Amino acid sequence: MIGAGIAVATFFLFVLLISSRRGMKLEKQIGIAGARSIVQMFAMGFALEYIFKLESVWHVVYFAALMSVFAAYTASSRLSMDCRCLRRAFFAIYIPSMIGLIPVFLSGAVPVKMSAVLPVAGMALGNAMNAYTMSLDRLHAESKSRLSTIEGMLALGLTMKVAMKEAINTSVKAAMLPILNNIASLGVVLLPGLATGLLIAGVEPLKAVVYQLVIMYMIMSVNVCTSVIACYMFTGKVLMSAASEDKS
């Protein structure tokens, strides 16, 4: 425990030093994020001892919903004001993640028990949260850069869906890039957490590989669904914001 604490402190101070020396002004954000992560992880560690004893499907749905609320809040708080809506963020993150879990458990790749379901749900929700933030952040930038073209298409009578198609596609591609890079380097450069944990636990390497492949492709599916849903939900608001910024 002491050795792990020293390692965490070393990495933490290193990042703070780089931020300070470079004048990046990230020290406050890094400090808050670091403190939150420590408190949250220890709280989760204590809570999991109780949670893992629960076996009802409804407990899974309930705890996943709680995690989704936090993910939605975190994602929304990092976006511009025109993209902040907790209800929409929750929908775009929670629904694709829960649907994505169904094939994982029906296939038998991951056992249907709380100790397996909750970590996998966390992977889905965490990646969906990142995809949500990245897609909307890019959509805002794309709308501003393509504003004259989009307005011209709308003036010609084309629908919002058609006018914003390229901006949405570019935004979804940007959100998908991290997971695509991970999948492309899987097994050669990247050995993700699930496979690593299973190997450490003594699971056969081939079985660990199969589990990891199922999870990675589930994450890819969840990410693309979350990104598309998020972009279409905020298309109008983002375009109006881009237009108002252009006039001001």
C-alpha atoms as a PDB file:
ATOM      1  CA  MET A   1       0.000   0.000   0.000  1.00  0.00           C
ATOM      2  CA  ILE A   2       2.799   2.431   0.916  1.00  0.00           C
ATOM      3  CA  GLY A   3       4.667   1.648  -2.297  1.00  0.00           C
ATOM      4  CA  ALA A   4       1.520   2.231  -4.358  1.00  0.00           C
ATOM      5  CA  GLY A   5       0.957   5.536  -2.557  1.00  0.00           C
ATOM      6  CA  ILE A   6       4.495   6.664  -3.356  1.00  0.00           C
ATOM      7  CA  ALA A   7       4.012   5.723  -7.026  1.00  0.00           C
ATOM      8  CA  VAL A   8       0.726   7.669  -7.221  1.00  0.00           C
ATOM      9  CA  ALA A   9       2.286  10.718  -5.536  1.00  0.00           C
ATOM     10  CA  THR A  10       5.281  10.602  -7.903  1.00  0.00           C
ATOM     11  CA  PHE A  11       3.127  10.561 -11.034  1.00  0.00           C
ATOM     12  CA  PHE A  12       0.809  13.225  -9.604  1.00  0.00           C
ATOM     13  CA  LEU A  13       3.646  15.611  -8.711  1.00  0.00           C
ATOM     14  CA  PHE A  14       5.314  15.027 -12.081  1.00  0.00           C
ATOM     15  CA  VAL A  15       2.182  16.155 -13.951  1.00  0.00           C
ATOM     16  CA  LEU A  16       1.806  19.171 -11.640  1.00  0.00           C
ATOM     17  CA  LEU A  17       5.440  20.113 -12.282  1.00  0.00           C
ATOM     18  CA  ILE A  18       5.017  19.940 -16.066  1.00  0.00           C
ATOM     19  CA  SER A  19       1.847  22.035 -15.890  1.00  0.00           C
ATOM     20  CA  SER A  20       3.523  24.638 -13.679  1.00  0.00           C
ATOM     21  CA  ARG A  21       6.727  24.869 -15.728  1.00  0.00           C
ATOM     22  CA  ARG A  22       4.819  25.115 -19.007  1.00  0.00           C
ATOM     23  CA  GLY A  23       2.369  27.701 -17.662  1.00  0.00           C
ATOM     24  CA  MET A  24      -0.567  25.476 -18.610  1.00  0.00           C
ATOM     25  CA  LYS A  25      -2.600  26.550 -15.542  1.00  0.00           C
ATOM     26  CA  LEU A  26      -3.958  23.050 -15.018  1.00  0.00           C
ATOM     27  CA  GLU A  27      -2.777  22.735 -11.411  1.00  0.00           C
ATOM     28  CA  LYS A  28      -6.213  23.419  -9.911  1.00  0.00           C
ATOM     29  CA  GLN A  29      -7.985  20.985 -12.252  1.00  0.00           C
ATOM     30  CA  ILE A  30      -5.346  18.314 -11.674  1.00  0.00           C
ATOM     31  CA  GLY A  31      -5.530  18.802  -7.906  1.00  0.00           C
ATOM     32  CA  ILE A  32      -9.327  18.593  -7.783  1.00  0.00           C
ATOM     33  CA  ALA A  33      -9.432  15.615 -10.147  1.00  0.00           C
ATOM     34  CA  GLY A  34      -6.710  13.852  -8.160  1.00  0.00           C
ATOM     35  CA  ALA A  35      -8.415  14.404  -4.807  1.00  0.00           C
ATOM     36  CA  ARG A  36     -11.759  13.295  -6.209  1.00  0.00           C
ATOM     37  CA  SER A  37     -10.290  10.160  -7.747  1.00  0.00           C
ATOM     38  CA  ILE A  38      -8.688   9.068  -4.462  1.00  0.00           C
ATOM     39  CA  VAL A  39     -11.839   9.662  -2.403  1.00  0.00           C
ATOM     40  CA  GLN A  40     -14.076   8.050  -5.026  1.00  0.00           C
ATOM     41  CA  MET A  41     -11.889   4.971  -5.481  1.00  0.00           C
ATOM     42  CA  PHE A  42     -11.620   4.271  -1.751  1.00  0.00           C
ATOM     43  CA  ALA A  43     -15.362   4.855  -1.325  1.00  0.00           C
ATOM     44  CA  MET A  44     -16.018   2.479  -4.223  1.00  0.00           C
ATOM     45  CA  GLY A  45     -13.671  -0.101  -2.716  1.00  0.00           C
ATOM     46  CA  PHE A  46     -15.629  -0.138   0.542  1.00  0.00           C
ATOM     47  CA  ALA A  47     -18.982  -0.066  -1.269  1.00  0.00           C
ATOM     48  CA  LEU A  48     -18.080  -2.970  -3.567  1.00  0.00           C
ATOM     49  CA  GLU A  49     -17.745  -5.320  -0.605  1.00  0.00           C
ATOM     50  CA  TYR A  50     -21.488  -4.831  -0.039  1.00  0.00           C
ATOM     51  CA  ILE A  51     -22.538  -4.436  -3.685  1.00  0.00           C
ATOM     52  CA  PHE A  52     -20.902  -7.685  -4.841  1.00  0.00           C
ATOM     53  CA  LYS A  53     -23.165  -9.608  -2.464  1.00  0.00           C
ATOM     54  CA  LEU A  54     -26.239  -8.402  -4.389  1.00  0.00           C
ATOM     55  CA  GLU A  55     -27.379 -10.591  -7.272  1.00  0.00           C
ATOM     56  CA  SER A  56     -30.680  -9.085  -8.499  1.00  0.00           C
ATOM     57  CA  VAL A  57     -30.806  -7.738 -12.061  1.00  0.00           C
ATOM     58  CA  TRP A  58     -32.587  -4.661 -10.730  1.00  0.00           C
ATOM     59  CA  HIS A  59     -29.630  -3.893  -8.495  1.00  0.00           C
ATOM     60  CA  VAL A  60     -27.463  -3.852 -11.622  1.00  0.00           C
ATOM     61  CA  VAL A  61     -29.860  -1.469 -13.379  1.00  0.00           C
ATOM     62  CA  TYR A  62     -30.028   0.770 -10.302  1.00  0.00           C
ATOM     63  CA  PHE A  63     -26.278   1.073  -9.748  1.00  0.00           C
ATOM     64  CA  ALA A  64     -25.642   1.534 -13.471  1.00  0.00           C
ATOM     65  CA  ALA A  65     -28.193   4.378 -13.447  1.00  0.00           C
ATOM     66  CA  LEU A  66     -26.386   6.033 -10.528  1.00  0.00           C
ATOM     67  CA  MET A  67     -23.086   5.743 -12.377  1.00  0.00           C
ATOM     68  CA  SER A  68     -24.744   7.192 -15.492  1.00  0.00           C
ATOM     69  CA  VAL A  69     -26.012  10.237 -13.594  1.00  0.00           C
ATOM     70  CA  PHE A  70     -22.474  10.984 -12.443  1.00  0.00           C
ATOM     71  CA  ALA A  71     -21.103  10.348 -15.948  1.00  0.00           C
ATOM     72  CA  ALA A  72     -23.743  12.648 -17.459  1.00  0.00           C
ATOM     73  CA  TYR A  73     -22.935  15.404 -14.965  1.00  0.00           C
ATOM     74  CA  THR A  74     -19.191  15.092 -15.576  1.00  0.00           C
ATOM     75  CA  ALA A  75     -19.606  15.096 -19.368  1.00  0.00           C
ATOM     76  CA  SER A  76     -22.029  18.046 -19.383  1.00  0.00           C
ATOM     77  CA  SER A  77     -19.859  20.166 -17.093  1.00  0.00           C
ATOM     78  CA  ARG A  78     -16.964  19.987 -19.569  1.00  0.00           C
ATOM     79  CA  LEU A  79     -18.972  21.232 -22.546  1.00  0.00           C
ATOM     80  CA  SER A  80     -20.013  24.696 -23.689  1.00  0.00           C
ATOM     81  CA  MET A  81     -23.290  26.041 -22.324  1.00  0.00           C
ATOM     82  CA  ASP A  82     -25.277  25.178 -25.467  1.00  0.00           C
ATOM     83  CA  CYS A  83     -24.502  21.470 -24.927  1.00  0.00           C
ATOM     84  CA  ARG A  84     -25.209  21.272 -21.213  1.00  0.00           C
ATOM     85  CA  CYS A  85     -28.282  19.195 -20.480  1.00  0.00           C
ATOM     86  CA  LEU A  86     -28.086  16.527 -17.795  1.00  0.00           C
ATOM     87  CA  ARG A  87     -31.220  14.721 -18.987  1.00  0.00           C
ATOM     88  CA  ARG A  88     -30.012  14.396 -22.578  1.00  0.00           C
ATOM     89  CA  ALA A  89     -26.522  13.399 -21.461  1.00  0.00           C
ATOM     90  CA  PHE A  90     -27.973  10.682 -19.223  1.00  0.00           C
ATOM     91  CA  PHE A  91     -30.093   9.313 -22.074  1.00  0.00           C
ATOM     92  CA  ALA A  92     -27.228   9.309 -24.600  1.00  0.00           C
ATOM     93  CA  ILE A  93     -24.833   7.601 -22.174  1.00  0.00           C
ATOM     94  CA  TYR A  94     -27.094   5.208 -20.244  1.00  0.00           C
ATOM     95  CA  ILE A  95     -29.307   3.708 -22.971  1.00  0.00           C
ATOM     96  CA  PRO A  96     -26.559   2.642 -25.441  1.00  0.00           C
ATOM     97  CA  SER A  97     -24.446   1.306 -22.566  1.00  0.00           C
ATOM     98  CA  MET A  98     -27.248  -0.845 -21.160  1.00  0.00           C
ATOM     99  CA  ILE A  99     -28.224  -2.149 -24.609  1.00  0.00           C
ATOM    100  CA  GLY A 100     -24.560  -2.887 -25.336  1.00  0.00           C
ATOM    101  CA  LEU A 101     -24.317  -5.052 -22.216  1.00  0.00           C
ATOM    102  CA  ILE A 102     -27.131  -7.385 -23.330  1.00  0.00           C
ATOM    103  CA  PRO A 103     -25.173  -9.316 -26.030  1.00  0.00           C
ATOM    104  CA  VAL A 104     -22.145  -9.496 -23.718  1.00  0.00           C
ATOM    105  CA  PHE A 105     -24.057 -11.411 -21.071  1.00  0.00           C
ATOM    106  CA  LEU A 106     -26.347 -13.368 -23.401  1.00  0.00           C
ATOM    107  CA  SER A 107     -23.274 -14.716 -25.192  1.00  0.00           C
ATOM    108  CA  GLY A 108     -21.885 -16.014 -21.907  1.00  0.00           C
ATOM    109  CA  ALA A 109     -18.614 -14.158 -22.458  1.00  0.00           C
ATOM    110  CA  VAL A 110     -19.014 -12.534 -19.038  1.00  0.00           C
ATOM    111  CA  PRO A 111     -20.890 -14.245 -16.167  1.00  0.00           C
ATOM    112  CA  VAL A 112     -24.113 -12.586 -15.006  1.00  0.00           C
ATOM    113  CA  LYS A 113     -23.133 -11.709 -11.463  1.00  0.00           C
ATOM    114  CA  MET A 114     -22.610  -8.358  -9.785  1.00  0.00           C
ATOM    115  CA  SER A 115     -18.828  -8.738  -9.443  1.00  0.00           C
ATOM    116  CA  ALA A 116     -18.597  -9.082 -13.246  1.00  0.00           C
ATOM    117  CA  VAL A 117     -21.491  -6.890 -14.391  1.00  0.00           C
ATOM    118  CA  LEU A 118     -20.576  -3.701 -12.540  1.00  0.00           C
ATOM    119  CA  PRO A 119     -16.967  -3.413 -13.801  1.00  0.00           C
ATOM    120  CA  VAL A 120     -18.061  -4.103 -17.388  1.00  0.00           C
ATOM    121  CA  ALA A 121     -20.903  -1.581 -17.058  1.00  0.00           C
ATOM    122  CA  GLY A 122     -18.356   0.925 -15.762  1.00  0.00           C
ATOM    123  CA  MET A 123     -16.183   0.375 -18.848  1.00  0.00           C
ATOM    124  CA  ALA A 124     -19.163   0.953 -21.136  1.00  0.00           C
ATOM    125  CA  LEU A 125     -20.354   4.059 -19.276  1.00  0.00           C
ATOM    126  CA  GLY A 126     -16.873   5.569 -18.956  1.00  0.00           C
ATOM    127  CA  ASN A 127     -16.148   5.220 -22.652  1.00  0.00           C
ATOM    128  CA  ALA A 128     -19.631   6.471 -23.571  1.00  0.00           C
ATOM    129  CA  MET A 129     -19.029   9.543 -21.399  1.00  0.00           C
ATOM    130  CA  ASN A 130     -15.794  10.322 -23.246  1.00  0.00           C
ATOM    131  CA  ALA A 131     -17.417   9.747 -26.650  1.00  0.00           C
ATOM    132  CA  TYR A 132     -20.290  12.054 -25.679  1.00  0.00           C
ATOM    133  CA  THR A 133     -17.948  14.873 -24.680  1.00  0.00           C
ATOM    134  CA  MET A 134     -15.618  14.504 -27.664  1.00  0.00           C
ATOM    135  CA  SER A 135     -18.393  14.317 -30.255  1.00  0.00           C
ATOM    136  CA  LEU A 136     -20.226  17.408 -29.007  1.00  0.00           C
ATOM    137  CA  ASP A 137     -17.044  19.406 -28.546  1.00  0.00           C
ATOM    138  CA  ARG A 138     -16.083  18.616 -32.137  1.00  0.00           C
ATOM    139  CA  LEU A 139     -19.634  19.299 -33.385  1.00  0.00           C
ATOM    140  CA  HIS A 140     -19.451  22.788 -31.913  1.00  0.00           C
ATOM    141  CA  ALA A 141     -16.145  23.454 -33.705  1.00  0.00           C
ATOM    142  CA  GLU A 142     -17.359  21.940 -36.989  1.00  0.00           C
ATOM    143  CA  SER A 143     -20.565  24.000 -36.934  1.00  0.00           C
ATOM    144  CA  LYS A 144     -18.558  27.199 -36.548  1.00  0.00           C
ATOM    145  CA  SER A 145     -16.105  26.349 -39.326  1.00  0.00           C
ATOM    146  CA  ARG A 146     -18.832  25.194 -41.752  1.00  0.00           C
ATOM    147  CA  LEU A 147     -21.420  27.822 -40.791  1.00  0.00           C
ATOM    148  CA  SER A 148     -21.667  29.612 -44.144  1.00  0.00           C
ATOM    149  CA  THR A 149     -21.990  26.317 -46.040  1.00  0.00           C
ATOM    150  CA  ILE A 150     -24.647  25.002 -43.650  1.00  0.00           C
ATOM    151  CA  GLU A 151     -26.642  28.245 -43.790  1.00  0.00           C
ATOM    152  CA  GLY A 152     -26.457  28.179 -47.594  1.00  0.00           C
ATOM    153  CA  MET A 153     -27.822  24.624 -47.696  1.00  0.00           C
ATOM    154  CA  LEU A 154     -30.655  25.551 -45.339  1.00  0.00           C
ATOM    155  CA  ALA A 155     -31.455  28.615 -47.480  1.00  0.00           C
ATOM    156  CA  LEU A 156     -31.795  26.315 -50.507  1.00  0.00           C
ATOM    157  CA  GLY A 157     -34.460  24.331 -48.671  1.00  0.00           C
ATOM    158  CA  LEU A 158     -32.409  21.375 -47.482  1.00  0.00           C
ATOM    159  CA  THR A 159     -33.279  19.914 -44.103  1.00  0.00           C
ATOM    160  CA  MET A 160     -31.196  20.407 -40.975  1.00  0.00           C
ATOM    161  CA  LYS A 161     -30.331  16.696 -41.064  1.00  0.00           C
ATOM    162  CA  VAL A 162     -28.843  16.975 -44.561  1.00  0.00           C
ATOM    163  CA  ALA A 163     -27.107  20.310 -43.930  1.00  0.00           C
ATOM    164  CA  MET A 164     -25.413  19.056 -40.768  1.00  0.00           C
ATOM    165  CA  LYS A 165     -24.573  15.573 -42.072  1.00  0.00           C
ATOM    166  CA  GLU A 166     -20.874  16.204 -42.755  1.00  0.00           C
ATOM    167  CA  ALA A 167     -20.368  18.071 -39.474  1.00  0.00           C
ATOM    168  CA  ILE A 168     -21.994  15.209 -37.562  1.00  0.00           C
ATOM    169  CA  ASN A 169     -20.006  12.545 -39.429  1.00  0.00           C
ATOM    170  CA  THR A 170     -16.729  14.343 -38.699  1.00  0.00           C
ATOM    171  CA  SER A 171     -17.690  14.695 -35.031  1.00  0.00           C
ATOM    172  CA  VAL A 172     -18.567  11.012 -34.683  1.00  0.00           C
ATOM    173  CA  LYS A 173     -15.289  10.030 -36.393  1.00  0.00           C
ATOM    174  CA  ALA A 174     -13.358  12.189 -33.910  1.00  0.00           C
ATOM    175  CA  ALA A 175     -15.111  10.522 -30.973  1.00  0.00           C
ATOM    176  CA  MET A 176     -14.409   7.064 -32.411  1.00  0.00           C
ATOM    177  CA  LEU A 177     -10.692   7.646 -33.019  1.00  0.00           C
ATOM    178  CA  PRO A 178      -9.432   6.618 -29.526  1.00  0.00           C
ATOM    179  CA  ILE A 179     -11.288   3.286 -29.461  1.00  0.00           C
ATOM    180  CA  LEU A 180     -10.307   2.556 -33.085  1.00  0.00           C
ATOM    181  CA  ASN A 181      -6.654   3.175 -32.198  1.00  0.00           C
ATOM    182  CA  ASN A 182      -7.017   0.869 -29.193  1.00  0.00           C
ATOM    183  CA  ILE A 183      -8.572  -1.910 -31.268  1.00  0.00           C
ATOM    184  CA  ALA A 184      -5.954  -1.541 -34.015  1.00  0.00           C
ATOM    185  CA  SER A 185      -3.117  -1.899 -31.474  1.00  0.00           C
ATOM    186  CA  LEU A 186      -4.847  -4.533 -29.332  1.00  0.00           C
ATOM    187  CA  GLY A 187      -2.543  -7.368 -28.341  1.00  0.00           C
ATOM    188  CA  VAL A 188       0.571  -5.776 -29.869  1.00  0.00           C
ATOM    189  CA  VAL A 189       0.861  -2.388 -28.160  1.00  0.00           C
ATOM    190  CA  LEU A 190      -2.176  -2.422 -25.884  1.00  0.00           C
ATOM    191  CA  LEU A 191      -3.151  -5.074 -23.346  1.00  0.00           C
ATOM    192  CA  PRO A 192      -6.263  -3.559 -21.714  1.00  0.00           C
ATOM    193  CA  GLY A 193      -7.255  -3.759 -18.067  1.00  0.00           C
ATOM    194  CA  LEU A 194      -9.715  -6.633 -18.302  1.00  0.00           C
ATOM    195  CA  ALA A 195      -7.259  -8.988 -20.023  1.00  0.00           C
ATOM    196  CA  THR A 196      -4.473  -7.923 -17.657  1.00  0.00           C
ATOM    197  CA  GLY A 197      -6.666  -8.514 -14.603  1.00  0.00           C
ATOM    198  CA  LEU A 198      -7.785 -11.925 -15.835  1.00  0.00           C
ATOM    199  CA  LEU A 199      -4.213 -12.992 -16.583  1.00  0.00           C
ATOM    200  CA  ILE A 200      -3.077 -11.871 -13.130  1.00  0.00           C
ATOM    201  CA  ALA A 201      -6.003 -13.831 -11.653  1.00  0.00           C
ATOM    202  CA  GLY A 202      -4.752 -16.952 -13.419  1.00  0.00           C
ATOM    203  CA  VAL A 203      -7.317 -17.231 -16.225  1.00  0.00           C
ATOM    204  CA  GLU A 204      -6.150 -19.034 -19.370  1.00  0.00           C
ATOM    205  CA  PRO A 205      -4.647 -16.524 -21.872  1.00  0.00           C
ATOM    206  CA  LEU A 206      -6.966 -17.490 -24.753  1.00  0.00           C
ATOM    207  CA  LYS A 207     -10.048 -17.127 -22.553  1.00  0.00           C
ATOM    208  CA  ALA A 208      -8.830 -13.714 -21.362  1.00  0.00           C
ATOM    209  CA  VAL A 209      -8.304 -12.676 -24.994  1.00  0.00           C
ATOM    210  CA  VAL A 210     -11.858 -13.690 -25.961  1.00  0.00           C
ATOM    211  CA  TYR A 211     -13.321 -11.751 -23.022  1.00  0.00           C
ATOM    212  CA  GLN A 212     -11.305  -8.674 -23.963  1.00  0.00           C
ATOM    213  CA  LEU A 213     -12.341  -8.800 -27.630  1.00  0.00           C
ATOM    214  CA  VAL A 214     -16.019  -8.961 -26.672  1.00  0.00           C
ATOM    215  CA  ILE A 215     -15.629  -5.971 -24.350  1.00  0.00           C
ATOM    216  CA  MET A 216     -13.657  -3.867 -26.844  1.00  0.00           C
ATOM    217  CA  TYR A 217     -16.176  -4.364 -29.632  1.00  0.00           C
ATOM    218  CA  MET A 218     -19.005  -3.667 -27.199  1.00  0.00           C
ATOM    219  CA  ILE A 219     -17.307  -0.388 -26.266  1.00  0.00           C
ATOM    220  CA  MET A 220     -16.903   0.517 -29.949  1.00  0.00           C
ATOM    221  CA  SER A 221     -20.631  -0.083 -30.556  1.00  0.00           C
ATOM    222  CA  VAL A 222     -21.639   1.909 -27.484  1.00  0.00           C
ATOM    223  CA  ASN A 223     -19.353   4.794 -28.475  1.00  0.00           C
ATOM    224  CA  VAL A 224     -20.732   5.140 -31.994  1.00  0.00           C
ATOM    225  CA  CYS A 225     -24.343   5.021 -30.730  1.00  0.00           C
ATOM    226  CA  THR A 226     -23.674   7.582 -27.992  1.00  0.00           C
ATOM    227  CA  SER A 227     -21.873   9.919 -30.405  1.00  0.00           C
ATOM    228  CA  VAL A 228     -24.603   9.797 -33.058  1.00  0.00           C
ATOM    229  CA  ILE A 229     -27.400  10.259 -30.500  1.00  0.00           C
ATOM    230  CA  ALA A 230     -25.579  13.162 -28.829  1.00  0.00           C
ATOM    231  CA  CYS A 231     -24.914  14.964 -32.114  1.00  0.00           C
ATOM    232  CA  TYR A 232     -28.503  14.678 -33.324  1.00  0.00           C
ATOM    233  CA  MET A 233     -29.924  15.773 -29.964  1.00  0.00           C
ATOM    234  CA  PHE A 234     -27.882  18.975 -29.954  1.00  0.00           C
ATOM    235  CA  THR A 235     -27.707  19.788 -33.685  1.00  0.00           C
ATOM    236  CA  GLY A 236     -30.142  22.708 -33.499  1.00  0.00           C
ATOM    237  CA  LYS A 237     -28.727  24.230 -30.317  1.00  0.00           C
ATOM    238  CA  VAL A 238     -25.131  23.944 -31.504  1.00  0.00           C
ATOM    239  CA  LEU A 239     -25.930  25.548 -34.863  1.00  0.00           C
ATOM    240  CA  MET A 240     -27.805  28.426 -33.205  1.00  0.00           C
ATOM    241  CA  SER A 241     -24.875  28.955 -30.842  1.00  0.00           C
ATOM    242  CA  ALA A 242     -22.409  28.985 -33.749  1.00  0.00           C
ATOM    243  CA  ALA A 243     -24.561  31.499 -35.630  1.00  0.00           C
ATOM    244  CA  SER A 244     -24.861  33.813 -32.619  1.00  0.00           C
ATOM    245  CA  GLU A 245     -21.095  33.654 -31.996  1.00  0.00           C
ATOM    246  CA  ASP A 246     -20.470  34.506 -35.649  1.00  0.00           C
ATOM    247  CA  LYS A 247     -22.679  37.610 -35.425  1.00  0.00           C
ATOM    248  CA  SER A 248     -21.201  38.862 -32.153  1.00  0.00           C
END
